[in-house]
Amino acid sequence: VMVDAGRGWAPSFGVNSKGTFINSLLVDSNGCGLYKRLGEGRTHITKLVNDVLEEAILAEDIGTYLASTEVVNVPDLSCHSMIADTQGNVWTVEPGRGNIASTAGEGHLFVMGNCPLWDMAQTHAPCGTGADRYKKTVAILQTKEALDVQQAFSVLDAVKQSKGEWQTVFSMVYSAQQNIVYYCTDRKTDLIETHVFEV
């Protein structure tokens, strides 16, 4: 999914043909992780999203890549990313804060919204923009072991943003077993469409 944040269209989130998911969401800035020119051992978060979606960085290489590469923000924005593979391994990348790796089996859920996860790992409480939606999502998911597609959309519907500058305009659920992306636009979870990856 591409977005225009005032500097032209750039990838914001999606799933590549191998089933690796990545997103880039706005997060409150801590004043660090500011843009620096790309160079050896450094990339910016939009290029990271693009490289994962284009399969220039494969899921099995993400941990090594993140350990050897500084990820910075793009100019004038503060973002963070979540990367998840089909095995349930998750990495979060928060420029200026740090990276978090959660291997498959550490828990049955991993939630990311707009509040900084690195800060939450230090304080053990969500804070900042989107903390209310994060808490609501976790509360819903803690009552479930597994979700089917409809149940996943019901969670997304429960925490959608219907007001303000950043309203939810695209929601998606990826089924690794089926290799299908289910999605809807403009919060219309009754009108779900699909994208099937060719094998």
N, C-alpha and C. Protein backbone atom coordinates (compact mmCIF):
# COMPACT_ATOMS: atom_id res chain seq x y z
N VAL A 1 0.85 -1.17 0.00
CA VAL A 1 0.00 0.00 0.00
C VAL A 1 0.90 1.23 0.00
N MET A 2 0.64 2.13 -0.90
CA MET A 2 1.43 3.35 -1.02
C MET A 2 0.67 4.51 -0.39
N VAL A 3 1.41 5.45 0.23
CA VAL A 3 0.82 6.66 0.79
C VAL A 3 1.63 7.86 0.33
N ASP A 4 0.98 9.02 0.34
CA ASP A 4 1.66 10.27 0.03
C ASP A 4 1.67 11.13 1.28
N ALA A 5 2.84 11.28 1.88
CA ALA A 5 2.98 12.08 3.10
C ALA A 5 3.50 13.47 2.77
N GLY A 6 3.23 13.94 1.55
CA GLY A 6 3.64 15.27 1.15
C GLY A 6 4.93 15.34 0.38
N ARG A 7 5.60 14.22 0.18
CA ARG A 7 6.87 14.19 -0.56
C ARG A 7 6.83 13.18 -1.69
N GLY A 8 5.63 12.82 -2.11
CA GLY A 8 5.50 11.81 -3.15
C GLY A 8 5.08 10.48 -2.55
N TRP A 9 4.72 9.57 -3.39
CA TRP A 9 4.21 8.28 -2.95
C TRP A 9 5.33 7.37 -2.48
N ALA A 10 5.08 6.68 -1.38
CA ALA A 10 6.07 5.76 -0.81
C ALA A 10 5.33 4.56 -0.21
N PRO A 11 5.99 3.40 -0.14
CA PRO A 11 5.33 2.23 0.46
C PRO A 11 5.11 2.44 1.96
N SER A 12 3.93 2.05 2.42
CA SER A 12 3.60 2.20 3.83
C SER A 12 3.47 0.85 4.52
N PHE A 13 2.84 -0.11 3.87
CA PHE A 13 2.77 -1.45 4.43
C PHE A 13 2.29 -2.42 3.38
N GLY A 14 2.51 -3.71 3.67
CA GLY A 14 2.08 -4.74 2.73
C GLY A 14 2.69 -6.08 3.09
N VAL A 15 2.45 -7.02 2.19
CA VAL A 15 2.95 -8.39 2.31
C VAL A 15 3.63 -8.73 1.00
N ASN A 16 4.82 -9.33 1.07
CA ASN A 16 5.46 -9.74 -0.19
C ASN A 16 5.01 -11.15 -0.56
N SER A 17 5.43 -11.61 -1.71
CA SER A 17 4.94 -12.90 -2.23
C SER A 17 5.39 -14.10 -1.39
N LYS A 18 6.38 -13.89 -0.52
CA LYS A 18 6.83 -14.97 0.37
C LYS A 18 6.10 -14.93 1.72
N GLY A 19 5.18 -13.97 1.87
CA GLY A 19 4.38 -13.90 3.08
C GLY A 19 4.96 -13.06 4.20
N THR A 20 5.99 -12.27 3.93
CA THR A 20 6.56 -11.40 4.95
C THR A 20 5.80 -10.08 4.95
N PHE A 21 5.29 -9.70 6.13
CA PHE A 21 4.53 -8.47 6.31
C PHE A 21 5.46 -7.40 6.85
N ILE A 22 5.25 -6.15 6.41
CA ILE A 22 5.95 -5.00 7.00
C ILE A 22 5.03 -3.79 6.93
N ASN A 23 5.16 -2.92 7.93
CA ASN A 23 4.42 -1.66 7.90
C ASN A 23 5.34 -0.52 8.30
N SER A 24 4.84 0.67 8.17
CA SER A 24 5.52 1.87 8.65
C SER A 24 4.43 2.79 9.17
N LEU A 25 4.41 3.00 10.47
CA LEU A 25 3.39 3.82 11.11
C LEU A 25 4.03 5.02 11.78
N LEU A 26 3.30 6.12 11.84
CA LEU A 26 3.78 7.28 12.57
C LEU A 26 3.87 6.94 14.05
N VAL A 27 4.88 7.49 14.71
CA VAL A 27 5.09 7.30 16.15
C VAL A 27 5.60 8.63 16.70
N ASP A 28 5.25 8.92 17.95
CA ASP A 28 5.75 10.14 18.58
C ASP A 28 7.27 10.16 18.55
N SER A 29 7.83 11.28 18.15
CA SER A 29 9.28 11.41 18.07
C SER A 29 9.88 11.57 19.46
N ASN A 30 11.08 11.02 19.63
CA ASN A 30 11.85 11.28 20.85
C ASN A 30 13.04 12.18 20.53
N GLY A 31 13.06 12.73 19.31
CA GLY A 31 14.13 13.63 18.89
C GLY A 31 15.36 12.92 18.36
N CYS A 32 15.36 11.59 18.37
CA CYS A 32 16.50 10.82 17.87
C CYS A 32 16.07 10.06 16.61
N GLY A 33 17.01 9.42 15.96
CA GLY A 33 16.69 8.66 14.76
C GLY A 33 16.38 9.53 13.57
N LEU A 34 16.83 10.78 13.62
CA LEU A 34 16.53 11.72 12.54
C LEU A 34 17.24 11.31 11.25
N TYR A 35 16.72 11.82 10.15
CA TYR A 35 17.24 11.48 8.84
C TYR A 35 18.73 11.77 8.72
N LYS A 36 19.45 10.84 8.13
CA LYS A 36 20.83 11.01 7.69
C LYS A 36 20.90 10.40 6.31
N ARG A 37 21.84 10.86 5.51
CA ARG A 37 21.98 10.30 4.16
C ARG A 37 22.23 8.80 4.23
N LEU A 38 21.72 8.11 3.21
CA LEU A 38 21.98 6.67 3.11
C LEU A 38 23.46 6.44 2.87
N GLY A 39 23.95 5.37 3.39
CA GLY A 39 25.35 5.02 3.21
C GLY A 39 25.55 3.58 3.63
N GLU A 40 26.77 3.13 3.59
CA GLU A 40 27.06 1.77 3.99
C GLU A 40 26.68 1.59 5.46
N GLY A 41 25.86 0.62 5.73
CA GLY A 41 25.42 0.37 7.09
C GLY A 41 24.30 1.27 7.57
N ARG A 42 23.67 2.03 6.66
CA ARG A 42 22.58 2.91 7.05
C ARG A 42 21.50 2.93 5.96
N THR A 43 20.26 2.87 6.38
CA THR A 43 19.12 3.01 5.48
C THR A 43 18.06 3.83 6.18
N HIS A 44 17.04 4.24 5.43
CA HIS A 44 15.92 4.90 6.10
C HIS A 44 14.71 3.98 6.07
N ILE A 45 13.75 4.28 6.89
CA ILE A 45 12.65 3.37 7.14
C ILE A 45 11.81 3.10 5.89
N THR A 46 11.65 4.08 5.02
CA THR A 46 10.88 3.85 3.80
C THR A 46 11.60 2.88 2.87
N LYS A 47 12.93 3.00 2.79
CA LYS A 47 13.70 2.06 1.97
C LYS A 47 13.64 0.66 2.57
N LEU A 48 13.66 0.55 3.90
CA LEU A 48 13.52 -0.75 4.55
C LEU A 48 12.19 -1.40 4.15
N VAL A 49 11.11 -0.63 4.22
CA VAL A 49 9.80 -1.17 3.83
C VAL A 49 9.84 -1.64 2.38
N ASN A 50 10.36 -0.81 1.50
CA ASN A 50 10.44 -1.16 0.09
C ASN A 50 11.30 -2.40 -0.13
N ASP A 51 12.45 -2.48 0.53
CA ASP A 51 13.36 -3.61 0.35
C ASP A 51 12.75 -4.93 0.83
N VAL A 52 11.97 -4.88 1.92
CA VAL A 52 11.30 -6.10 2.38
C VAL A 52 10.19 -6.49 1.40
N LEU A 53 9.40 -5.52 0.97
CA LEU A 53 8.30 -5.83 0.04
C LEU A 53 8.82 -6.33 -1.30
N GLU A 54 9.96 -5.79 -1.75
CA GLU A 54 10.54 -6.19 -3.03
C GLU A 54 11.42 -7.44 -2.90
N GLU A 55 11.53 -7.97 -1.69
CA GLU A 55 12.30 -9.18 -1.38
C GLU A 55 13.81 -9.00 -1.59
N ALA A 56 14.26 -7.75 -1.50
CA ALA A 56 15.71 -7.50 -1.50
C ALA A 56 16.30 -7.91 -0.15
N ILE A 57 15.46 -7.90 0.90
CA ILE A 57 15.82 -8.43 2.21
C ILE A 57 14.83 -9.56 2.49
N LEU A 58 15.34 -10.77 2.66
CA LEU A 58 14.48 -11.93 2.91
C LEU A 58 14.25 -12.11 4.40
N ALA A 59 13.16 -12.77 4.74
CA ALA A 59 12.79 -12.97 6.15
C ALA A 59 13.93 -13.61 6.95
N GLU A 60 14.59 -14.59 6.36
CA GLU A 60 15.66 -15.29 7.10
C GLU A 60 16.88 -14.41 7.34
N ASP A 61 16.97 -13.26 6.67
CA ASP A 61 18.11 -12.37 6.82
C ASP A 61 17.80 -11.12 7.65
N ILE A 62 16.56 -10.95 8.08
CA ILE A 62 16.16 -9.70 8.73
C ILE A 62 16.94 -9.45 10.02
N GLY A 63 17.06 -10.46 10.87
CA GLY A 63 17.79 -10.27 12.13
C GLY A 63 19.21 -9.80 11.91
N THR A 64 19.92 -10.45 11.00
CA THR A 64 21.30 -10.07 10.68
C THR A 64 21.36 -8.67 10.08
N TYR A 65 20.43 -8.40 9.17
CA TYR A 65 20.39 -7.08 8.52
C TYR A 65 20.20 -5.98 9.56
N LEU A 66 19.24 -6.16 10.47
CA LEU A 66 18.96 -5.12 11.46
C LEU A 66 20.11 -4.95 12.45
N ALA A 67 20.83 -6.03 12.73
CA ALA A 67 21.97 -5.95 13.65
C ALA A 67 23.13 -5.17 13.04
N SER A 68 23.20 -5.10 11.71
CA SER A 68 24.34 -4.45 11.05
C SER A 68 23.97 -3.15 10.33
N THR A 69 22.71 -2.74 10.44
CA THR A 69 22.26 -1.56 9.69
C THR A 69 21.55 -0.58 10.62
N GLU A 70 21.96 0.68 10.57
CA GLU A 70 21.25 1.73 11.29
C GLU A 70 20.06 2.15 10.43
N VAL A 71 18.87 2.11 11.02
CA VAL A 71 17.67 2.56 10.31
C VAL A 71 17.27 3.91 10.88
N VAL A 72 17.17 4.91 10.00
CA VAL A 72 16.79 6.26 10.41
C VAL A 72 15.45 6.61 9.79
N ASN A 73 14.86 7.70 10.25
CA ASN A 73 13.61 8.19 9.69
C ASN A 73 13.86 8.91 8.37
N VAL A 74 12.80 9.18 7.66
CA VAL A 74 12.86 10.06 6.50
C VAL A 74 12.69 11.48 7.01
N PRO A 75 13.02 12.50 6.22
CA PRO A 75 12.92 13.88 6.71
C PRO A 75 11.52 14.22 7.20
N ASP A 76 11.45 14.91 8.32
CA ASP A 76 10.23 15.49 8.88
C ASP A 76 9.21 14.48 9.40
N LEU A 77 9.54 13.21 9.48
CA LEU A 77 8.61 12.21 10.00
C LEU A 77 9.30 11.34 11.05
N SER A 78 8.49 10.82 11.95
CA SER A 78 8.97 9.84 12.92
C SER A 78 8.08 8.61 12.76
N CYS A 79 8.69 7.50 12.35
CA CYS A 79 7.93 6.29 12.06
C CYS A 79 8.57 5.10 12.77
N HIS A 80 7.81 4.03 12.84
CA HIS A 80 8.37 2.75 13.27
C HIS A 80 7.72 1.65 12.43
N SER A 81 8.39 0.50 12.37
CA SER A 81 7.95 -0.60 11.52
C SER A 81 7.87 -1.90 12.30
N MET A 82 6.95 -2.74 11.85
CA MET A 82 6.88 -4.11 12.33
C MET A 82 7.05 -5.02 11.12
N ILE A 83 7.88 -6.03 11.27
CA ILE A 83 8.10 -7.03 10.24
C ILE A 83 7.71 -8.38 10.85
N ALA A 84 6.91 -9.15 10.13
CA ALA A 84 6.51 -10.47 10.63
C ALA A 84 6.62 -11.48 9.51
N ASP A 85 7.22 -12.64 9.82
CA ASP A 85 7.32 -13.69 8.80
C ASP A 85 6.22 -14.73 8.99
N THR A 86 6.16 -15.69 8.10
CA THR A 86 5.08 -16.69 8.14
C THR A 86 5.24 -17.67 9.30
N GLN A 87 6.41 -17.68 9.96
CA GLN A 87 6.64 -18.58 11.08
C GLN A 87 6.21 -17.97 12.41
N GLY A 88 5.90 -16.66 12.40
CA GLY A 88 5.51 -15.99 13.64
C GLY A 88 6.63 -15.20 14.30
N ASN A 89 7.77 -15.07 13.62
CA ASN A 89 8.85 -14.22 14.13
C ASN A 89 8.50 -12.77 13.82
N VAL A 90 8.76 -11.88 14.77
CA VAL A 90 8.41 -10.47 14.61
C VAL A 90 9.62 -9.62 15.00
N TRP A 91 9.84 -8.57 14.21
CA TRP A 91 10.86 -7.57 14.52
C TRP A 91 10.20 -6.21 14.48
N THR A 92 10.50 -5.36 15.45
CA THR A 92 10.07 -3.97 15.37
C THR A 92 11.30 -3.10 15.25
N VAL A 93 11.18 -2.08 14.44
CA VAL A 93 12.28 -1.17 14.16
C VAL A 93 11.80 0.23 14.52
N GLU A 94 12.45 0.84 15.51
CA GLU A 94 12.07 2.18 15.95
C GLU A 94 13.31 3.08 15.91
N PRO A 95 13.49 3.81 14.78
CA PRO A 95 14.67 4.66 14.65
C PRO A 95 14.82 5.61 15.85
N GLY A 96 16.05 5.66 16.38
CA GLY A 96 16.32 6.51 17.52
C GLY A 96 15.95 5.89 18.84
N ARG A 97 15.31 4.75 18.80
CA ARG A 97 14.96 4.04 20.03
C ARG A 97 15.69 2.70 20.06
N GLY A 98 15.33 1.82 19.16
CA GLY A 98 15.96 0.52 19.10
C GLY A 98 15.10 -0.48 18.36
N ASN A 99 15.60 -1.68 18.26
CA ASN A 99 14.89 -2.77 17.60
C ASN A 99 14.50 -3.81 18.64
N ILE A 100 13.38 -4.46 18.40
CA ILE A 100 12.91 -5.53 19.28
C ILE A 100 12.68 -6.76 18.41
N ALA A 101 13.19 -7.89 18.83
CA ALA A 101 12.93 -9.16 18.13
C ALA A 101 12.09 -10.04 19.04
N SER A 102 11.06 -10.63 18.48
CA SER A 102 10.20 -11.56 19.21
C SER A 102 10.10 -12.83 18.37
N THR A 103 10.72 -13.89 18.85
CA THR A 103 10.74 -15.12 18.07
C THR A 103 9.42 -15.89 18.23
N ALA A 104 9.13 -16.69 17.22
CA ALA A 104 7.93 -17.52 17.26
C ALA A 104 7.93 -18.34 18.54
N GLY A 105 6.80 -18.42 19.19
CA GLY A 105 6.70 -19.19 20.41
C GLY A 105 6.81 -18.36 21.67
N GLU A 106 7.24 -17.09 21.55
CA GLU A 106 7.33 -16.23 22.75
C GLU A 106 5.96 -15.82 23.26
N GLY A 107 4.97 -15.91 22.43
CA GLY A 107 3.61 -15.53 22.80
C GLY A 107 2.71 -15.73 21.61
N HIS A 108 1.42 -15.71 21.82
CA HIS A 108 0.53 -15.95 20.70
C HIS A 108 0.06 -14.68 20.01
N LEU A 109 0.53 -13.51 20.49
CA LEU A 109 0.15 -12.27 19.82
C LEU A 109 1.25 -11.24 19.94
N PHE A 110 1.28 -10.34 18.98
CA PHE A 110 2.20 -9.21 18.99
C PHE A 110 1.43 -8.05 18.39
N VAL A 111 1.30 -6.98 19.13
CA VAL A 111 0.47 -5.84 18.71
C VAL A 111 1.36 -4.62 18.51
N MET A 112 1.09 -3.90 17.43
CA MET A 112 1.78 -2.64 17.19
C MET A 112 0.77 -1.63 16.67
N GLY A 113 0.81 -0.45 17.23
CA GLY A 113 -0.01 0.67 16.76
C GLY A 113 0.90 1.86 16.58
N ASN A 114 0.46 3.01 17.02
CA ASN A 114 1.27 4.22 16.87
C ASN A 114 2.08 4.57 18.10
N CYS A 115 1.86 3.89 19.21
CA CYS A 115 2.66 4.20 20.40
C CYS A 115 3.99 3.43 20.33
N PRO A 116 5.06 4.02 20.88
CA PRO A 116 6.39 3.40 20.77
C PRO A 116 6.52 2.14 21.62
N LEU A 117 6.87 1.04 20.97
CA LEU A 117 7.01 -0.24 21.68
C LEU A 117 8.30 -0.29 22.50
N TRP A 118 9.35 0.36 22.01
CA TRP A 118 10.62 0.38 22.75
C TRP A 118 10.42 1.04 24.11
N ASP A 119 9.71 2.17 24.12
CA ASP A 119 9.45 2.85 25.39
C ASP A 119 8.61 1.97 26.30
N MET A 120 7.63 1.27 25.71
CA MET A 120 6.77 0.40 26.51
C MET A 120 7.57 -0.76 27.11
N ALA A 121 8.55 -1.26 26.39
CA ALA A 121 9.38 -2.33 26.92
C ALA A 121 10.16 -1.87 28.15
N GLN A 122 10.45 -0.57 28.22
CA GLN A 122 11.19 -0.02 29.36
C GLN A 122 10.26 0.32 30.53
N THR A 123 9.05 0.84 30.21
CA THR A 123 8.14 1.32 31.26
C THR A 123 7.04 0.31 31.59
N HIS A 124 6.85 -0.69 30.74
CA HIS A 124 5.81 -1.71 30.90
C HIS A 124 4.40 -1.15 30.82
N ALA A 125 4.26 0.01 30.16
CA ALA A 125 2.93 0.59 29.97
C ALA A 125 2.92 1.36 28.66
N PRO A 126 1.88 1.16 27.83
CA PRO A 126 1.80 1.93 26.60
C PRO A 126 1.58 3.41 26.90
N CYS A 127 2.24 4.28 26.13
CA CYS A 127 2.07 5.71 26.33
C CYS A 127 2.17 6.41 24.99
N GLY A 128 1.68 7.62 24.93
CA GLY A 128 1.77 8.41 23.71
C GLY A 128 0.59 8.18 22.79
N THR A 129 0.71 8.72 21.60
CA THR A 129 -0.35 8.63 20.61
C THR A 129 -0.69 7.17 20.33
N GLY A 130 -1.97 6.86 20.37
CA GLY A 130 -2.43 5.51 20.05
C GLY A 130 -2.40 4.52 21.19
N ALA A 131 -2.00 4.95 22.40
CA ALA A 131 -1.93 4.03 23.54
C ALA A 131 -3.30 3.44 23.86
N ASP A 132 -4.35 4.25 23.71
CA ASP A 132 -5.70 3.75 23.99
C ASP A 132 -6.10 2.64 23.03
N ARG A 133 -5.79 2.80 21.76
CA ARG A 133 -6.11 1.77 20.77
C ARG A 133 -5.26 0.52 20.99
N TYR A 134 -4.00 0.70 21.38
CA TYR A 134 -3.13 -0.43 21.68
C TYR A 134 -3.74 -1.26 22.82
N LYS A 135 -4.10 -0.59 23.92
CA LYS A 135 -4.66 -1.29 25.08
C LYS A 135 -5.95 -2.02 24.71
N LYS A 136 -6.79 -1.38 23.92
CA LYS A 136 -8.06 -2.01 23.52
C LYS A 136 -7.79 -3.25 22.67
N THR A 137 -6.86 -3.15 21.75
CA THR A 137 -6.52 -4.30 20.89
C THR A 137 -5.98 -5.46 21.71
N VAL A 138 -5.06 -5.18 22.62
CA VAL A 138 -4.50 -6.24 23.46
C VAL A 138 -5.60 -6.89 24.30
N ALA A 139 -6.49 -6.08 24.85
CA ALA A 139 -7.57 -6.63 25.68
C ALA A 139 -8.46 -7.57 24.87
N ILE A 140 -8.75 -7.22 23.64
CA ILE A 140 -9.57 -8.09 22.78
C ILE A 140 -8.82 -9.37 22.45
N LEU A 141 -7.57 -9.23 22.03
CA LEU A 141 -6.80 -10.40 21.58
C LEU A 141 -6.43 -11.36 22.71
N GLN A 142 -6.32 -10.87 23.93
CA GLN A 142 -5.97 -11.75 25.04
C GLN A 142 -7.09 -12.75 25.35
N THR A 143 -8.27 -12.52 24.83
CA THR A 143 -9.39 -13.44 25.06
C THR A 143 -9.47 -14.50 23.96
N LYS A 144 -8.55 -14.46 22.99
CA LYS A 144 -8.61 -15.37 21.84
C LYS A 144 -7.29 -16.10 21.65
N GLU A 145 -7.36 -17.35 21.25
CA GLU A 145 -6.14 -18.12 20.94
C GLU A 145 -5.76 -17.96 19.47
N ALA A 146 -6.75 -18.04 18.61
CA ALA A 146 -6.51 -17.92 17.16
C ALA A 146 -7.70 -17.20 16.55
N LEU A 147 -7.45 -16.58 15.42
CA LEU A 147 -8.50 -15.82 14.75
C LEU A 147 -8.69 -16.32 13.33
N ASP A 148 -9.93 -16.38 12.88
CA ASP A 148 -10.16 -16.57 11.46
C ASP A 148 -10.22 -15.17 10.83
N VAL A 149 -10.40 -15.11 9.53
CA VAL A 149 -10.35 -13.82 8.83
C VAL A 149 -11.43 -12.87 9.34
N GLN A 150 -12.65 -13.36 9.50
CA GLN A 150 -13.76 -12.50 9.97
C GLN A 150 -13.48 -11.98 11.37
N GLN A 151 -12.97 -12.83 12.25
CA GLN A 151 -12.66 -12.39 13.61
C GLN A 151 -11.55 -11.34 13.60
N ALA A 152 -10.57 -11.52 12.73
CA ALA A 152 -9.49 -10.53 12.64
C ALA A 152 -10.04 -9.18 12.19
N PHE A 153 -10.95 -9.20 11.22
CA PHE A 153 -11.56 -7.93 10.78
C PHE A 153 -12.42 -7.32 11.88
N SER A 154 -13.04 -8.15 12.72
CA SER A 154 -13.84 -7.58 13.81
C SER A 154 -12.95 -6.86 14.81
N VAL A 155 -11.73 -7.36 15.02
CA VAL A 155 -10.78 -6.66 15.89
C VAL A 155 -10.38 -5.33 15.25
N LEU A 156 -10.03 -5.36 13.97
CA LEU A 156 -9.65 -4.13 13.28
C LEU A 156 -10.80 -3.12 13.29
N ASP A 157 -12.03 -3.61 13.13
CA ASP A 157 -13.20 -2.73 13.15
C ASP A 157 -13.37 -2.09 14.52
N ALA A 158 -13.08 -2.83 15.58
CA ALA A 158 -13.25 -2.32 16.94
C ALA A 158 -12.27 -1.21 17.29
N VAL A 159 -11.12 -1.16 16.59
CA VAL A 159 -10.10 -0.16 16.93
C VAL A 159 -9.82 0.81 15.77
N LYS A 160 -10.69 0.83 14.79
CA LYS A 160 -10.49 1.74 13.64
C LYS A 160 -10.56 3.19 14.10
N GLN A 161 -9.93 4.04 13.32
CA GLN A 161 -9.97 5.48 13.57
C GLN A 161 -10.99 6.09 12.62
N SER A 162 -12.08 6.60 13.16
CA SER A 162 -13.17 7.14 12.35
C SER A 162 -13.19 8.65 12.31
N LYS A 163 -12.38 9.29 13.14
CA LYS A 163 -12.37 10.75 13.23
C LYS A 163 -10.94 11.25 13.15
N GLY A 164 -10.81 12.54 12.91
CA GLY A 164 -9.50 13.17 12.95
C GLY A 164 -8.74 13.07 11.64
N GLU A 165 -7.48 13.47 11.72
CA GLU A 165 -6.63 13.57 10.53
C GLU A 165 -6.25 12.20 9.96
N TRP A 166 -6.07 11.19 10.81
CA TRP A 166 -5.56 9.90 10.37
C TRP A 166 -6.62 8.81 10.46
N GLN A 167 -7.70 8.99 9.73
CA GLN A 167 -8.76 7.98 9.73
C GLN A 167 -8.29 6.72 9.02
N THR A 168 -8.82 5.59 9.47
CA THR A 168 -8.50 4.32 8.83
C THR A 168 -9.12 4.29 7.44
N VAL A 169 -8.27 4.09 6.42
CA VAL A 169 -8.79 4.01 5.05
C VAL A 169 -8.50 2.66 4.40
N PHE A 170 -7.65 1.86 5.03
CA PHE A 170 -7.32 0.55 4.47
C PHE A 170 -7.04 -0.41 5.61
N SER A 171 -7.69 -1.54 5.60
CA SER A 171 -7.46 -2.58 6.61
C SER A 171 -7.18 -3.88 5.89
N MET A 172 -6.25 -4.66 6.43
CA MET A 172 -5.91 -5.92 5.77
C MET A 172 -5.63 -7.02 6.78
N VAL A 173 -5.89 -8.24 6.33
CA VAL A 173 -5.59 -9.44 7.09
C VAL A 173 -4.90 -10.38 6.10
N TYR A 174 -3.77 -10.95 6.51
CA TYR A 174 -3.06 -11.88 5.64
C TYR A 174 -3.17 -13.29 6.21
N SER A 175 -3.57 -14.23 5.38
CA SER A 175 -3.61 -15.64 5.75
C SER A 175 -2.38 -16.32 5.16
N ALA A 176 -1.43 -16.70 6.04
CA ALA A 176 -0.22 -17.38 5.59
C ALA A 176 -0.55 -18.76 5.03
N GLN A 177 -1.56 -19.43 5.61
CA GLN A 177 -1.93 -20.77 5.13
C GLN A 177 -2.47 -20.72 3.70
N GLN A 178 -3.25 -19.69 3.41
CA GLN A 178 -3.86 -19.57 2.08
C GLN A 178 -3.03 -18.72 1.13
N ASN A 179 -2.06 -17.95 1.66
CA ASN A 179 -1.27 -17.00 0.88
C ASN A 179 -2.18 -15.98 0.19
N ILE A 180 -3.15 -15.48 0.96
CA ILE A 180 -4.14 -14.52 0.46
C ILE A 180 -4.18 -13.31 1.38
N VAL A 181 -4.24 -12.12 0.79
CA VAL A 181 -4.48 -10.89 1.54
C VAL A 181 -5.96 -10.57 1.41
N TYR A 182 -6.62 -10.40 2.54
CA TYR A 182 -8.01 -9.94 2.59
C TYR A 182 -7.96 -8.47 2.99
N TYR A 183 -8.72 -7.63 2.31
CA TYR A 183 -8.65 -6.21 2.63
C TYR A 183 -9.98 -5.50 2.38
N CYS A 184 -10.11 -4.35 3.00
CA CYS A 184 -11.25 -3.48 2.75
C CYS A 184 -10.77 -2.03 2.81
N THR A 185 -11.55 -1.14 2.25
CA THR A 185 -11.22 0.27 2.26
C THR A 185 -12.30 1.05 3.01
N ASP A 186 -11.92 2.20 3.51
CA ASP A 186 -12.83 3.14 4.17
C ASP A 186 -13.66 2.50 5.28
N ARG A 187 -13.04 1.61 6.04
CA ARG A 187 -13.66 0.99 7.22
C ARG A 187 -14.88 0.14 6.86
N LYS A 188 -15.02 -0.30 5.63
CA LYS A 188 -16.18 -1.09 5.20
C LYS A 188 -15.85 -2.58 5.30
N THR A 189 -15.87 -3.10 6.51
CA THR A 189 -15.50 -4.50 6.73
C THR A 189 -16.56 -5.47 6.21
N ASP A 190 -17.67 -4.95 5.73
CA ASP A 190 -18.67 -5.81 5.10
C ASP A 190 -18.38 -5.99 3.61
N LEU A 191 -17.37 -5.28 3.08
CA LEU A 191 -17.01 -5.37 1.66
C LEU A 191 -15.54 -5.78 1.54
N ILE A 192 -15.25 -7.01 1.90
CA ILE A 192 -13.88 -7.52 1.91
C ILE A 192 -13.51 -8.05 0.53
N GLU A 193 -12.35 -7.63 0.05
CA GLU A 193 -11.80 -8.11 -1.23
C GLU A 193 -10.56 -8.94 -0.95
N THR A 194 -10.05 -9.61 -1.98
CA THR A 194 -8.88 -10.47 -1.79
C THR A 194 -7.82 -10.22 -2.85
N HIS A 195 -6.59 -10.52 -2.47
CA HIS A 195 -5.47 -10.57 -3.41
C HIS A 195 -4.79 -11.92 -3.19
N VAL A 196 -4.74 -12.73 -4.23
CA VAL A 196 -4.13 -14.06 -4.14
C VAL A 196 -2.76 -14.00 -4.79
N PHE A 197 -1.73 -14.45 -4.07
CA PHE A 197 -0.39 -14.49 -4.62
C PHE A 197 -0.25 -15.73 -5.50
N GLU A 198 0.30 -15.55 -6.68
CA GLU A 198 0.57 -16.70 -7.54
C GLU A 198 1.78 -17.44 -7.02
N VAL A 199 1.74 -18.75 -7.06
CA VAL A 199 2.83 -19.55 -6.52
C VAL A 199 3.90 -19.78 -7.57
